[in-house]
C-alpha atoms as a PDB file:
ATOM      1  CA  UNK A   1      27.592 -16.222  -2.289  1.00  0.00           C
ATOM      2  CA  UNK A   2      25.132 -14.713  -2.798  1.00  0.00           C
ATOM      3  CA  UNK A   3      23.832 -11.052  -2.096  1.00  0.00           C
ATOM      4  CA  UNK A   4      20.174  -9.653  -1.613  1.00  0.00           C
ATOM      5  CA  UNK A   5      20.567  -6.075  -2.751  1.00  0.00           C
ATOM      6  CA  UNK A   6      18.024  -5.368  -5.415  1.00  0.00           C
ATOM      7  CA  UNK A   7      15.303  -6.765  -6.922  1.00  0.00           C
ATOM      8  CA  UNK A   8      16.692  -7.084  -9.438  1.00  0.00           C
ATOM      9  CA  UNK A   9      19.423  -8.857  -8.669  1.00  0.00           C
ATOM     10  CA  UNK A  10      17.684 -11.972  -8.539  1.00  0.00           C
ATOM     11  CA  UNK A  11      16.737 -14.183 -11.394  1.00  0.00           C
ATOM     12  CA  UNK A  12      12.737 -14.941 -11.896  1.00  0.00           C
ATOM     13  CA  UNK A  13      13.905 -18.621 -10.919  1.00  0.00           C
ATOM     14  CA  UNK A  14      15.260 -16.610  -7.463  1.00  0.00           C
ATOM     15  CA  UNK A  15      12.326 -14.698  -6.683  1.00  0.00           C
ATOM     16  CA  UNK A  16       9.694 -17.197  -6.900  1.00  0.00           C
ATOM     17  CA  UNK A  17      11.687 -19.249  -4.460  1.00  0.00           C
ATOM     18  CA  UNK A  18      12.196 -16.429  -1.923  1.00  0.00           C
ATOM     19  CA  UNK A  19       7.935 -15.870  -1.869  1.00  0.00           C
ATOM     20  CA  UNK A  20       7.139 -19.762  -1.825  1.00  0.00           C
ATOM     21  CA  UNK A  21       9.491 -20.199   1.061  1.00  0.00           C
ATOM     22  CA  UNK A  22       8.056 -17.438   3.301  1.00  0.00           C
ATOM     23  CA  UNK A  23       5.115 -18.426   2.189  1.00  0.00           C
ATOM     24  CA  UNK A  24       5.790 -22.422   3.778  1.00  0.00           C
ATOM     25  CA  UNK A  25       7.629 -20.554   6.712  1.00  0.00           C
ATOM     26  CA  UNK A  26       3.845 -18.387   7.568  1.00  0.00           C
ATOM     27  CA  UNK A  27       2.086 -21.418   7.450  1.00  0.00           C
ATOM     28  CA  UNK A  28       4.584 -23.924   8.639  1.00  0.00           C
ATOM     29  CA  UNK A  29       6.969 -22.341  10.701  1.00  0.00           C
ATOM     30  CA  UNK A  30      10.682 -23.415  10.292  1.00  0.00           C
ATOM     31  CA  UNK A  31      11.919 -27.349  10.509  1.00  0.00           C
ATOM     32  CA  UNK A  32      15.275 -27.117  11.820  1.00  0.00           C
ATOM     33  CA  UNK A  33      17.670 -24.419  12.056  1.00  0.00           C
ATOM     34  CA  UNK A  34      19.447 -23.974   8.426  1.00  0.00           C
ATOM     35  CA  UNK A  35      21.650 -20.814   9.921  1.00  0.00           C
ATOM     36  CA  UNK A  36      23.312 -22.541  12.650  1.00  0.00           C
ATOM     37  CA  UNK A  37      26.187 -21.882  13.797  1.00  0.00           C
ATOM     38  CA  UNK A  38      25.971 -17.994  10.952  1.00  0.00           C
ATOM     39  CA  UNK A  39      26.151 -15.157  12.609  1.00  0.00           C
ATOM     40  CA  UNK A  40      24.438 -12.057  11.204  1.00  0.00           C
ATOM     41  CA  UNK A  41      25.111  -8.533  11.397  1.00  0.00           C
ATOM     42  CA  UNK A  42      22.148  -5.767  11.863  1.00  0.00           C
ATOM     43  CA  UNK A  43      22.637  -2.330  11.281  1.00  0.00           C
ATOM     44  CA  UNK A  44      20.127  -0.143  11.097  1.00  0.00           C
ATOM     45  CA  UNK A  45      21.200   3.860   9.981  1.00  0.00           C
ATOM     46  CA  UNK A  46      17.017   4.697  10.280  1.00  0.00           C
ATOM     47  CA  UNK A  47      14.708   4.021  12.328  1.00  0.00           C
ATOM     48  CA  UNK A  48      12.899   0.388  11.839  1.00  0.00           C
ATOM     49  CA  UNK A  49       9.693  -1.804  13.378  1.00  0.00           C
ATOM     50  CA  UNK A  50       9.107  -3.683  11.830  1.00  0.00           C
ATOM     51  CA  UNK A  51      12.015  -4.471   9.056  1.00  0.00           C
ATOM     52  CA  UNK A  52      14.863  -4.882  12.123  1.00  0.00           C
ATOM     53  CA  UNK A  53      12.517  -6.801  14.160  1.00  0.00           C
ATOM     54  CA  UNK A  54      11.656  -9.315  11.355  1.00  0.00           C
ATOM     55  CA  UNK A  55      15.205  -9.767  10.387  1.00  0.00           C
ATOM     56  CA  UNK A  56      17.201  -9.819  14.077  1.00  0.00           C
ATOM     57  CA  UNK A  57      13.382 -12.132  15.728  1.00  0.00           C
ATOM     58  CA  UNK A  58      13.953 -14.629  11.843  1.00  0.00           C
ATOM     59  CA  UNK A  59      17.407 -14.612  12.276  1.00  0.00           C
ATOM     60  CA  UNK A  60      17.440 -16.289  15.976  1.00  0.00           C
ATOM     61  CA  UNK A  61      14.314 -18.313  14.772  1.00  0.00           C
ATOM     62  CA  UNK A  62      16.658 -19.405  11.629  1.00  0.00           C
ATOM     63  CA  UNK A  63      19.254 -20.771  14.529  1.00  0.00           C
ATOM     64  CA  UNK A  64      22.226 -17.825  13.656  1.00  0.00           C
ATOM     65  CA  UNK A  65      23.650 -15.574  16.531  1.00  0.00           C
ATOM     66  CA  UNK A  66      22.830 -12.054  15.685  1.00  0.00           C
ATOM     67  CA  UNK A  67      25.100  -8.753  16.498  1.00  0.00           C
ATOM     68  CA  UNK A  68      22.848  -5.057  16.194  1.00  0.00           C
ATOM     69  CA  UNK A  69      24.857  -2.268  15.137  1.00  0.00           C
ATOM     70  CA  UNK A  70      23.027   1.041  15.983  1.00  0.00           C
ATOM     71  CA  UNK A  71      23.786   4.201  13.318  1.00  0.00           C
ATOM     72  CA  UNK A  72      26.827   5.520  15.992  1.00  0.00           C
ATOM     73  CA  UNK A  73      28.469   2.664  16.806  1.00  0.00           C
ATOM     74  CA  UNK A  74      30.592   1.700  13.526  1.00  0.00           C
ATOM     75  CA  UNK A  75      33.360   4.049  13.068  1.00  0.00           C
ATOM     76  CA  UNK A  76      32.413   4.961  10.071  1.00  0.00           C
ATOM     77  CA  UNK A  77      31.225   7.799  11.554  1.00  0.00           C
ATOM     78  CA  UNK A  78      34.397   8.784  12.408  1.00  0.00           C
ATOM     79  CA  UNK A  79      35.534   8.421   9.216  1.00  0.00           C
ATOM     80  CA  UNK A  80      36.388   5.637   7.672  1.00  0.00           C
ATOM     81  CA  UNK A  81      35.974   4.347   4.539  1.00  0.00           C
ATOM     82  CA  UNK A  82      33.325   2.378   2.970  1.00  0.00           C
ATOM     83  CA  UNK A  83      35.770   0.114   1.532  1.00  0.00           C
ATOM     84  CA  UNK A  84      37.814  -0.389   5.229  1.00  0.00           C
ATOM     85  CA  UNK A  85      34.415  -1.607   7.160  1.00  0.00           C
ATOM     86  CA  UNK A  86      33.578  -3.660   4.753  1.00  0.00           C
ATOM     87  CA  UNK A  87      36.747  -5.577   5.057  1.00  0.00           C
ATOM     88  CA  UNK A  88      36.457  -5.849   8.331  1.00  0.00           C
ATOM     89  CA  UNK A  89      33.019  -6.959   8.977  1.00  0.00           C
ATOM     90  CA  UNK A  90      33.539  -9.330   5.844  1.00  0.00           C
ATOM     91  CA  UNK A  91      36.128 -10.883   8.570  1.00  0.00           C
ATOM     92  CA  UNK A  92      34.068 -11.693  11.701  1.00  0.00           C
ATOM     93  CA  UNK A  93      30.057 -11.914  10.183  1.00  0.00           C
ATOM     94  CA  UNK A  94      28.562 -13.976   7.564  1.00  0.00           C
ATOM     95  CA  UNK A  95      25.257 -11.934   6.533  1.00  0.00           C
ATOM     96  CA  UNK A  96      25.415  -8.296   6.639  1.00  0.00           C
ATOM     97  CA  UNK A  97      20.834  -6.986   6.706  1.00  0.00           C
ATOM     98  CA  UNK A  98      22.178  -3.408   6.405  1.00  0.00           C
ATOM     99  CA  UNK A  99      18.881   0.033   6.371  1.00  0.00           C
ATOM    100  CA  UNK A 100      21.238   3.009   5.348  1.00  0.00           C
ATOM    101  CA  UNK A 101      18.007   5.011   3.471  1.00  0.00           C
ATOM    102  CA  UNK A 102      21.715   5.883   1.350  1.00  0.00           C
ATOM    103  CA  UNK A 103      23.242   4.937  -2.160  1.00  0.00           C
ATOM    104  CA  UNK A 104      22.832   1.573  -2.967  1.00  0.00           C
ATOM    105  CA  UNK A 105      26.439   1.826  -4.210  1.00  0.00           C
ATOM    106  CA  UNK A 106      27.197   1.450  -0.232  1.00  0.00           C
ATOM    107  CA  UNK A 107      25.804  -1.966   0.095  1.00  0.00           C
ATOM    108  CA  UNK A 108      27.646  -2.963  -3.469  1.00  0.00           C
ATOM    109  CA  UNK A 109      31.266  -1.868  -2.033  1.00  0.00           C
ATOM    110  CA  UNK A 110      30.407  -4.272   1.625  1.00  0.00           C
ATOM    111  CA  UNK A 111      29.219  -7.271  -1.080  1.00  0.00           C
ATOM    112  CA  UNK A 112      32.237  -6.703  -2.662  1.00  0.00           C
ATOM    113  CA  UNK A 113      34.503  -6.832  -0.210  1.00  0.00           C
ATOM    114  CA  UNK A 114      35.100 -10.215   1.058  1.00  0.00           C
ATOM    115  CA  UNK A 115      32.760 -13.595   2.293  1.00  0.00           C
ATOM    116  CA  UNK A 116      29.904 -11.730   3.275  1.00  0.00           C
ATOM    117  CA  UNK A 117      26.753 -12.135   2.242  1.00  0.00           C
ATOM    118  CA  UNK A 118      24.450  -8.662   2.231  1.00  0.00           C
ATOM    119  CA  UNK A 119      20.616  -7.956   2.675  1.00  0.00           C
ATOM    120  CA  UNK A 120      19.726  -4.292   1.146  1.00  0.00           C
ATOM    121  CA  UNK A 121      17.137  -3.794   4.098  1.00  0.00           C
ATOM    122  CA  UNK A 122      16.703   0.338   2.887  1.00  0.00           C
ATOM    123  CA  UNK A 123      18.708   1.924   0.417  1.00  0.00           C
ATOM    124  CA  UNK A 124      17.231   5.290  -0.900  1.00  0.00           C
ATOM    125  CA  UNK A 125      16.949   3.628  -4.768  1.00  0.00           C
ATOM    126  CA  UNK A 126      14.878   1.233  -3.376  1.00  0.00           C
ATOM    127  CA  UNK A 127      13.523  -1.446  -0.815  1.00  0.00           C
ATOM    128  CA  UNK A 128      14.001  -5.199  -2.009  1.00  0.00           C
ATOM    129  CA  UNK A 129      12.423  -6.881   1.370  1.00  0.00           C
ATOM    130  CA  UNK A 130      10.015  -5.155   1.331  1.00  0.00           C
ATOM    131  CA  UNK A 131       8.652  -5.844  -2.281  1.00  0.00           C
ATOM    132  CA  UNK A 132       9.124  -9.797  -0.882  1.00  0.00           C
ATOM    133  CA  UNK A 133       6.862  -8.862   2.331  1.00  0.00           C
ATOM    134  CA  UNK A 134       4.371  -7.625  -0.424  1.00  0.00           C
ATOM    135  CA  UNK A 135       4.586 -10.242  -2.490  1.00  0.00           C
ATOM    136  CA  UNK A 136       4.327 -12.514   0.303  1.00  0.00           C
ATOM    137  CA  UNK A 137       1.321 -11.236   1.248  1.00  0.00           C
ATOM    138  CA  UNK A 138      -0.443 -11.916  -2.022  1.00  0.00           C
ATOM    139  CA  UNK A 139      -0.003 -15.641  -2.187  1.00  0.00           C
ATOM    140  CA  UNK A 140      -0.708 -16.142   1.227  1.00  0.00           C
ATOM    141  CA  UNK A 141      -3.486 -14.593   1.059  1.00  0.00           C
ATOM    142  CA  UNK A 142      -4.896 -14.956  -2.342  1.00  0.00           C
ATOM    143  CA  UNK A 143      -3.093 -18.447  -3.338  1.00  0.00           C
ATOM    144  CA  UNK A 144      -1.427 -16.509  -6.144  1.00  0.00           C
ATOM    145  CA  UNK A 145       0.605 -13.756  -8.013  1.00  0.00           C
ATOM    146  CA  UNK A 146      -0.090 -14.504 -11.203  1.00  0.00           C
ATOM    147  CA  UNK A 147      -2.438 -12.316 -13.454  1.00  0.00           C
ATOM    148  CA  UNK A 148      -3.793 -10.116  -9.681  1.00  0.00           C
ATOM    149  CA  UNK A 149      -4.153  -6.448 -10.753  1.00  0.00           C
ATOM    150  CA  UNK A 150      -2.872  -3.426  -8.322  1.00  0.00           C
ATOM    151  CA  UNK A 151      -3.624   0.181  -7.806  1.00  0.00           C
ATOM    152  CA  UNK A 152      -1.064   2.043  -6.549  1.00  0.00           C
ATOM    153  CA  UNK A 153      -1.633   5.117  -4.985  1.00  0.00           C
ATOM    154  CA  UNK A 154       0.923   7.736  -3.931  1.00  0.00           C
ATOM    155  CA  UNK A 155       4.629   8.853  -4.578  1.00  0.00           C
ATOM    156  CA  UNK A 156       7.291   6.686  -6.443  1.00  0.00           C
ATOM    157  CA  UNK A 157       9.499   6.334  -4.065  1.00  0.00           C
ATOM    158  CA  UNK A 158      11.926   2.388  -2.616  1.00  0.00           C
ATOM    159  CA  UNK A 159       8.449   1.067  -2.624  1.00  0.00           C
ATOM    160  CA  UNK A 160       7.118   1.846  -5.496  1.00  0.00           C
ATOM    161  CA  UNK A 161      10.532   1.162  -7.246  1.00  0.00           C
ATOM    162  CA  UNK A 162      10.993  -2.580  -5.385  1.00  0.00           C
ATOM    163  CA  UNK A 163       7.140  -3.271  -5.716  1.00  0.00           C
ATOM    164  CA  UNK A 164       7.414  -2.476 -10.123  1.00  0.00           C
ATOM    165  CA  UNK A 165      10.857  -4.556 -10.512  1.00  0.00           C
ATOM    166  CA  UNK A 166       9.257  -7.376  -8.724  1.00  0.00           C
ATOM    167  CA  UNK A 167       4.868  -7.537  -9.607  1.00  0.00           C
ATOM    168  CA  UNK A 168       6.418  -7.286 -13.346  1.00  0.00           C
ATOM    169  CA  UNK A 169       8.040 -10.448 -13.153  1.00  0.00           C
ATOM    170  CA  UNK A 170       4.886 -12.582 -13.136  1.00  0.00           C
ATOM    171  CA  UNK A 171       2.782 -13.688 -15.889  1.00  0.00           C
ATOM    172  CA  UNK A 172      -0.641 -12.065 -15.881  1.00  0.00           C
ATOM    173  CA  UNK A 173      -0.324  -9.051 -13.334  1.00  0.00           C
ATOM    174  CA  UNK A 174      -1.084  -5.028 -13.654  1.00  0.00           C
ATOM    175  CA  UNK A 175       0.356  -2.371 -11.726  1.00  0.00           C
ATOM    176  CA  UNK A 176      -1.361   0.611 -12.382  1.00  0.00           C
ATOM    177  CA  UNK A 177       0.972   3.736 -10.312  1.00  0.00           C
ATOM    178  CA  UNK A 178      -0.523   6.887  -9.958  1.00  0.00           C
ATOM    179  CA  UNK A 179       2.012   9.023  -8.760  1.00  0.00           C
ATOM    180  CA  UNK A 180       1.880  13.046  -8.502  1.00  0.00           C
ATOM    181  CA  UNK A 181       3.808  14.494 -10.961  1.00  0.00           C
ATOM    182  CA  UNK A 182       6.919  15.370 -10.311  1.00  0.00           C
ATOM    183  CA  UNK A 183       7.329  12.317  -7.529  1.00  0.00           C
ATOM    184  CA  UNK A 184       7.240   9.303  -9.796  1.00  0.00           C
ATOM    185  CA  UNK A 185       9.385   6.145 -10.738  1.00  0.00           C
ATOM    186  CA  UNK A 186      13.098   6.527 -11.430  1.00  0.00           C
ATOM    187  CA  UNK A 187      13.257   6.351 -15.420  1.00  0.00           C
ATOM    188  CA  UNK A 188      15.541   3.630 -15.277  1.00  0.00           C
ATOM    189  CA  UNK A 189      13.361   1.728 -12.898  1.00  0.00           C
ATOM    190  CA  UNK A 190      10.441   2.775 -14.784  1.00  0.00           C
ATOM    191  CA  UNK A 191      12.043   1.069 -18.127  1.00  0.00           C
ATOM    192  CA  UNK A 192      13.255  -2.210 -16.801  1.00  0.00           C
ATOM    193  CA  UNK A 193      10.668  -2.430 -14.858  1.00  0.00           C
ATOM    194  CA  UNK A 194       8.323  -1.743 -18.513  1.00  0.00           C
ATOM    195  CA  UNK A 195      10.653  -4.281 -20.102  1.00  0.00           C
ATOM    196  CA  UNK A 196      10.305  -7.018 -17.636  1.00  0.00           C
ATOM    197  CA  UNK A 197       6.232  -6.302 -18.113  1.00  0.00           C
ATOM    198  CA  UNK A 198       6.881  -6.883 -22.058  1.00  0.00           C
ATOM    199  CA  UNK A 199       8.473  -9.958 -21.597  1.00  0.00           C
ATOM    200  CA  UNK A 200       6.399 -12.219 -18.725  1.00  0.00           C
ATOM    201  CA  UNK A 201       3.364 -10.431 -19.843  1.00  0.00           C
ATOM    202  CA  UNK A 202       2.447  -8.512 -17.068  1.00  0.00           C
ATOM    203  CA  UNK A 203       1.350  -4.505 -17.942  1.00  0.00           C
ATOM    204  CA  UNK A 204       2.547  -1.421 -16.400  1.00  0.00           C
ATOM    205  CA  UNK A 205       1.127   1.899 -16.170  1.00  0.00           C
ATOM    206  CA  UNK A 206       2.160   5.342 -14.827  1.00  0.00           C
ATOM    207  CA  UNK A 207       0.017   8.727 -14.713  1.00  0.00           C
ATOM    208  CA  UNK A 208       0.547  11.197 -12.627  1.00  0.00           C
ATOM    209  CA  UNK A 209      -2.989  12.119 -12.276  1.00  0.00           C
ATOM    210  CA  UNK A 210      -6.584  10.205 -10.280  1.00  0.00           C
ATOM    211  CA  UNK A 211      -8.110  11.008 -12.884  1.00  0.00           C
ATOM    212  CA  UNK A 212     -10.474   7.907 -14.416  1.00  0.00           C
ATOM    213  CA  UNK A 213      -9.202   4.570 -12.032  1.00  0.00           C
ATOM    214  CA  UNK A 214     -10.614   1.860 -13.368  1.00  0.00           C
ATOM    215  CA  UNK A 215     -12.138  -0.893 -12.184  1.00  0.00           C
ATOM    216  CA  UNK A 216     -11.932  -4.454 -10.884  1.00  0.00           C
ATOM    217  CA  UNK A 217      -8.530  -3.635  -8.922  1.00  0.00           C
ATOM    218  CA  UNK A 218      -7.282  -6.713  -6.595  1.00  0.00           C
ATOM    219  CA  UNK A 219      -5.170  -4.556  -4.369  1.00  0.00           C
ATOM    220  CA  UNK A 220      -5.008  -0.901  -3.305  1.00  0.00           C
ATOM    221  CA  UNK A 221      -1.380   0.053  -2.358  1.00  0.00           C
ATOM    222  CA  UNK A 222      -0.156   3.473  -0.801  1.00  0.00           C
ATOM    223  CA  UNK A 223       3.029   4.349   1.425  1.00  0.00           C
ATOM    224  CA  UNK A 224       3.344   7.354   3.400  1.00  0.00           C
ATOM    225  CA  UNK A 225       4.387  10.439   1.520  1.00  0.00           C
ATOM    226  CA  UNK A 226       7.301  11.211   4.607  1.00  0.00           C
ATOM    227  CA  UNK A 227       9.585   8.363   3.916  1.00  0.00           C
ATOM    228  CA  UNK A 228      12.344   6.962   5.958  1.00  0.00           C
ATOM    229  CA  UNK A 229      15.280   9.411   5.559  1.00  0.00           C
ATOM    230  CA  UNK A 230      14.722  11.698   2.278  1.00  0.00           C
ATOM    231  CA  UNK A 231      12.608  14.809   1.833  1.00  0.00           C
ATOM    232  CA  UNK A 232      11.081  16.891  -0.398  1.00  0.00           C
ATOM    233  CA  UNK A 233      12.052  19.037  -2.708  1.00  0.00           C
ATOM    234  CA  UNK A 234       8.745  21.453  -3.140  1.00  0.00           C
ATOM    235  CA  UNK A 235       7.504  23.406  -0.090  1.00  0.00           C
ATOM    236  CA  UNK A 236       4.033  22.860  -1.099  1.00  0.00           C
ATOM    237  CA  UNK A 237       4.235  19.175  -1.760  1.00  0.00           C
ATOM    238  CA  UNK A 238       1.214  18.006   0.652  1.00  0.00           C
ATOM    239  CA  UNK A 239      -0.778  20.231  -2.057  1.00  0.00           C
ATOM    240  CA  UNK A 240       0.212  18.050  -4.461  1.00  0.00           C
ATOM    241  CA  UNK A 241       0.439  15.485  -2.604  1.00  0.00           C
ATOM    242  CA  UNK A 242      -3.512  15.202  -1.721  1.00  0.00           C
ATOM    243  CA  UNK A 243      -5.409  14.089  -4.374  1.00  0.00           C
ATOM    244  CA  UNK A 244      -3.371  11.318  -4.198  1.00  0.00           C
ATOM    245  CA  UNK A 245      -5.114   9.700  -0.317  1.00  0.00           C
ATOM    246  CA  UNK A 246      -6.176   6.764  -0.201  1.00  0.00           C
ATOM    247  CA  UNK A 247     -10.054   6.943   0.589  1.00  0.00           C
ATOM    248  CA  UNK A 248     -13.033   4.516   0.761  1.00  0.00           C
ATOM    249  CA  UNK A 249     -13.844   5.970  -2.511  1.00  0.00           C
ATOM    250  CA  UNK A 250     -11.674   4.034  -4.446  1.00  0.00           C
ATOM    251  CA  UNK A 251     -13.242   0.835  -3.611  1.00  0.00           C
ATOM    252  CA  UNK A 252     -16.298   1.241  -5.339  1.00  0.00           C
ATOM    253  CA  UNK A 253     -14.911  -0.245  -8.753  1.00  0.00           C
ATOM    254  CA  UNK A 254     -13.142  -2.307  -6.488  1.00  0.00           C
ATOM    255  CA  UNK A 255     -15.780  -3.622  -4.158  1.00  0.00           C
ATOM    256  CA  UNK A 256     -13.749  -6.695  -3.280  1.00  0.00           C
ATOM    257  CA  UNK A 257     -10.261  -5.231  -3.532  1.00  0.00           C
ATOM    258  CA  UNK A 258      -8.148  -5.549   0.127  1.00  0.00           C
ATOM    259  CA  UNK A 259      -5.754  -2.754   1.549  1.00  0.00           C
ATOM    260  CA  UNK A 260      -1.949  -3.014   1.755  1.00  0.00           C
ATOM    261  CA  UNK A 261       0.361  -0.431   3.528  1.00  0.00           C
ATOM    262  CA  UNK A 262       3.705  -1.473   4.249  1.00  0.00           C
ATOM    263  CA  UNK A 263       3.435   1.143   7.651  1.00  0.00           C
ATOM    264  CA  UNK A 264       4.194   2.923   9.220  1.00  0.00           C
ATOM    265  CA  UNK A 265       0.836   4.828   8.280  1.00  0.00           C
ATOM    266  CA  UNK A 266       0.027   8.593   8.867  1.00  0.00           C
ATOM    267  CA  UNK A 267      -3.830   8.329   9.228  1.00  0.00           C
ATOM    268  CA  UNK A 268      -5.894  11.537   7.673  1.00  0.00           C
ATOM    269  CA  UNK A 269      -3.195  11.852   5.504  1.00  0.00           C
ATOM    270  CA  UNK A 270      -1.392   8.897   2.512  1.00  0.00           C
ATOM    271  CA  UNK A 271      -4.421   6.507   3.629  1.00  0.00           C
ATOM    272  CA  UNK A 272      -8.017   8.021   5.716  1.00  0.00           C
ATOM    273  CA  UNK A 273      -8.620   5.676   8.619  1.00  0.00           C
ATOM    274  CA  UNK A 274     -11.647   3.988   7.506  1.00  0.00           C
ATOM    275  CA  UNK A 275     -10.001   1.824   5.065  1.00  0.00           C
ATOM    276  CA  UNK A 276      -6.586   1.359   6.966  1.00  0.00           C
ATOM    277  CA  UNK A 277      -8.596   0.282   9.830  1.00  0.00           C
ATOM    278  CA  UNK A 278     -11.963  -0.612   7.631  1.00  0.00           C
ATOM    279  CA  UNK A 279     -12.660  -4.903   7.424  1.00  0.00           C
ATOM    280  CA  UNK A 280     -10.276  -3.976   3.161  1.00  0.00           C
ATOM    281  CA  UNK A 281      -7.480  -3.848   5.045  1.00  0.00           C
ATOM    282  CA  UNK A 282      -4.417  -6.673   5.105  1.00  0.00           C
ATOM    283  CA  UNK A 283      -1.689  -3.971   6.237  1.00  0.00           C
ATOM    284  CA  UNK A 284      -0.860  -5.817   9.661  1.00  0.00           C
ATOM    285  CA  UNK A 285      -0.596  -9.482   8.150  1.00  0.00           C
ATOM    286  CA  UNK A 286       1.363  -7.435   5.584  1.00  0.00           C
ATOM    287  CA  UNK A 287       3.850  -6.442   8.566  1.00  0.00           C
ATOM    288  CA  UNK A 288       3.632  -9.996   9.690  1.00  0.00           C
ATOM    289  CA  UNK A 289       4.805 -11.736   7.125  1.00  0.00           C
ATOM    290  CA  UNK A 290       8.165  -9.429   6.481  1.00  0.00           C
ATOM    291  CA  UNK A 291       8.889 -11.754   8.931  1.00  0.00           C
ATOM    292  CA  UNK A 292       8.607 -14.320   6.562  1.00  0.00           C
ATOM    293  CA  UNK A 293      10.462 -12.691   3.568  1.00  0.00           C
ATOM    294  CA  UNK A 294      13.345 -12.048   5.731  1.00  0.00           C
ATOM    295  CA  UNK A 295      13.475 -15.248   6.599  1.00  0.00           C
ATOM    296  CA  UNK A 296      13.675 -16.850   3.494  1.00  0.00           C
ATOM    297  CA  UNK A 297      15.717 -14.197   2.322  1.00  0.00           C
ATOM    298  CA  UNK A 298      18.410 -15.020   5.343  1.00  0.00           C
ATOM    299  CA  UNK A 299      17.945 -18.978   4.381  1.00  0.00           C
ATOM    300  CA  UNK A 300      18.265 -18.122   0.685  1.00  0.00           C
ATOM    301  CA  UNK A 301      22.104 -16.228   0.992  1.00  0.00           C
ATOM    302  CA  UNK A 302      22.986 -19.023   3.649  1.00  0.00           C
ATOM    303  CA  UNK A 303      22.402 -21.656   1.620  1.00  0.00           C
ATOM    304  CA  UNK A 304      25.421 -20.826  -0.751  1.00  0.00           C
ATOM    305  CA  UNK A 305      28.003 -20.948   1.777  1.00  0.00           C
END
């Protein structure tokens, strides 16, 4: 049984294979119906445009049938336990794609319940399918991932965690994170990503200011400041975040860099409209790549059946 709950659950071979398959889906489309006969549950307890649409459309394109659940549709809301819910769903579904924005442990409980693959479409700690879309975008745009240099400016949230755990698997890559004080990567994520970087020959740096930003990045990446399902612990957080806004000034040292954003974006907060809507932006191609990476993730899970 294959689950995709954390990037850390994937071997290097798995990660590279899923990304390569996603890139092929983006270039060549679908050949056949590899998920014919599968029933996929699409359970989103939090709002979603790109991820929910990507997994729903992707499952259908691959030949699966889908059952969708909204935040008020399951008996979890009336007190049924996570364990009982998992046992019931695993007896009826082949795959469950779930966005909870709560603890990843809930997804692991479902994964342990029975013969049903579980895909993490975003938990509080990590957004692994976003990282797959990000890597797919890099591969499709640059033709490679190895050796690329990324500057990430903003909160060390679940998107940043997944990106750090994924990109450090690729030799020669550099991930420079500039995160606001008190809003950096979780210590366990940073330690794991640093260990992977040392093993693969990648470079991981995290600082909590925007001073002395190096030059010659291939990518500048940010996410919205108000992450889905979370709130900030301090009332003056916008003042803390303000220096980390992505503006055109960052391109003075990296004139060939492209801009990435996991969307939705708040123009004038984490990024200016000039950057998001400008010629360097590939954020909307990145969004489309969510479809292809979702398809590759579903196919990878189903292949173990």
